């Protein structure tokens, strides 16, 4: 959390003010002396530009799926029938391969 907060240029006091809490609470979160509530974790993640999963140590990637538009798309795909989902993922995989090949050719 410290890295994300600092990357956003926020001090503990500034983040605490945005969270409507004290900077000592933010310090305790950062030292793993105290766990934020789910709502507080969501708000912190949004403010510092990461995910709740990253804040909770579930992933090492601080920015994985933090793009709300991308996350919305993936959630929509997840709700689809298996066959439709497979067609969409196959198409996406093809587009990704195409971009990678184009980038390699450009080198």
Protein backbone atom coordinates (compact mmCIF):
# COMPACT_ATOMS: atom_id res chain seq x y z
CA UNK A 1 0.00 0.00 0.00
CA UNK A 2 2.86 2.35 0.80
CA UNK A 3 4.24 2.14 -2.75
CA UNK A 4 0.84 2.88 -4.28
CA UNK A 5 0.15 5.76 -1.90
CA UNK A 6 3.55 7.30 -2.59
CA UNK A 7 3.16 6.77 -6.36
CA UNK A 8 0.00 8.88 -6.13
CA UNK A 9 1.96 11.53 -4.24
CA UNK A 10 -0.13 11.17 -1.09
CA UNK A 11 1.15 11.40 2.45
CA UNK A 12 -0.38 9.31 5.21
CA UNK A 13 -2.14 12.45 6.45
CA UNK A 14 -3.58 13.24 3.01
CA UNK A 15 -4.82 9.68 2.53
CA UNK A 16 -6.27 9.68 6.03
CA UNK A 17 -8.16 12.88 5.29
CA UNK A 18 -9.62 11.35 2.11
CA UNK A 19 -10.64 8.27 4.13
CA UNK A 20 -12.04 10.38 6.95
CA UNK A 21 -9.75 8.74 9.50
CA UNK A 22 -6.49 9.54 11.27
CA UNK A 23 -3.03 9.18 9.80
CA UNK A 24 -2.14 6.78 12.63
CA UNK A 25 -4.81 4.39 11.33
CA UNK A 26 -3.31 4.60 7.83
CA UNK A 27 0.09 3.86 9.37
CA UNK A 28 -1.33 0.80 11.13
CA UNK A 29 -2.80 -0.43 7.83
CA UNK A 30 0.58 0.00 6.17
CA UNK A 31 2.41 -1.85 8.97
CA UNK A 32 -0.18 -4.66 8.95
CA UNK A 33 -1.06 -3.88 12.56
CA UNK A 34 -4.69 -3.38 11.61
CA UNK A 35 -6.89 -4.52 8.72
CA UNK A 36 -9.23 -2.05 7.01
CA UNK A 37 -12.91 -2.90 6.64
CA UNK A 38 -14.00 -4.11 3.23
CA UNK A 39 -15.44 -0.68 2.42
CA UNK A 40 -12.26 1.06 3.60
CA UNK A 41 -10.11 -1.33 1.53
CA UNK A 42 -12.22 -0.60 -1.57
CA UNK A 43 -11.89 3.13 -1.02
CA UNK A 44 -8.14 2.89 -0.40
CA UNK A 45 -7.66 0.80 -3.55
CA UNK A 46 -9.56 3.34 -5.62
CA UNK A 47 -7.68 6.30 -4.13
CA UNK A 48 -4.21 4.82 -4.62
CA UNK A 49 -4.95 3.23 -7.99
CA UNK A 50 -4.74 -0.47 -7.25
CA UNK A 51 -6.97 -3.40 -6.35
CA UNK A 52 -8.22 -4.75 -3.06
CA UNK A 53 -6.50 -8.02 -3.97
CA UNK A 54 -3.15 -6.26 -4.14
CA UNK A 55 -3.75 -4.48 -0.84
CA UNK A 56 -4.58 -7.82 0.81
CA UNK A 57 -1.50 -9.52 -0.61
CA UNK A 58 -3.45 -11.79 -2.96
CA UNK A 59 -1.36 -10.72 -5.94
CA UNK A 60 2.03 -9.13 -6.48
CA UNK A 61 0.72 -7.06 -9.38
CA UNK A 62 -0.55 -3.77 -8.04
CA UNK A 63 -2.42 -2.74 -11.16
CA UNK A 64 -3.95 -6.03 -12.32
CA UNK A 65 -7.48 -5.45 -13.53
CA UNK A 66 -7.74 -2.01 -12.04
CA UNK A 67 -9.18 -0.64 -15.28
CA UNK A 68 -12.91 -0.57 -14.49
CA UNK A 69 -13.89 -0.77 -18.17
CA UNK A 70 -11.76 -3.88 -18.71
CA UNK A 71 -13.06 -5.46 -15.53
CA UNK A 72 -16.63 -4.75 -16.62
CA UNK A 73 -16.00 -6.44 -19.96
CA UNK A 74 -14.48 -9.50 -18.32
CA UNK A 75 -17.41 -9.75 -15.93
CA UNK A 76 -19.82 -9.61 -18.88
CA UNK A 77 -17.92 -12.39 -20.65
CA UNK A 78 -17.95 -14.49 -17.47
CA UNK A 79 -21.78 -14.35 -17.37
CA UNK A 80 -22.12 -15.76 -20.90
CA UNK A 81 -22.84 -19.31 -22.01
CA UNK A 82 -19.71 -21.44 -22.23
CA UNK A 83 -19.78 -21.67 -26.04
CA UNK A 84 -20.18 -17.89 -26.47
CA UNK A 85 -17.45 -17.29 -23.92
CA UNK A 86 -15.09 -19.65 -25.75
CA UNK A 87 -15.74 -17.89 -29.09
CA UNK A 88 -15.02 -14.48 -27.59
CA UNK A 89 -11.85 -15.67 -25.82
CA UNK A 90 -10.66 -17.39 -29.01
CA UNK A 91 -11.14 -14.12 -30.90
CA UNK A 92 -9.34 -12.12 -28.22
CA UNK A 93 -6.45 -14.62 -28.24
CA UNK A 94 -6.19 -14.21 -32.03
CA UNK A 95 -6.10 -10.44 -31.76
CA UNK A 96 -3.44 -10.59 -29.06
CA UNK A 97 -1.28 -12.91 -31.21
CA UNK A 98 -1.71 -10.55 -34.17
CA UNK A 99 -0.57 -7.51 -32.18
CA UNK A 100 2.42 -9.41 -30.76
CA UNK A 101 3.48 -10.54 -34.25
CA UNK A 102 3.09 -7.02 -35.59
CA UNK A 103 5.24 -5.68 -32.74
CA UNK A 104 7.92 -8.32 -33.37
CA UNK A 105 7.92 -7.50 -37.09
CA UNK A 106 8.35 -3.80 -36.29
CA UNK A 107 11.60 -4.52 -34.45
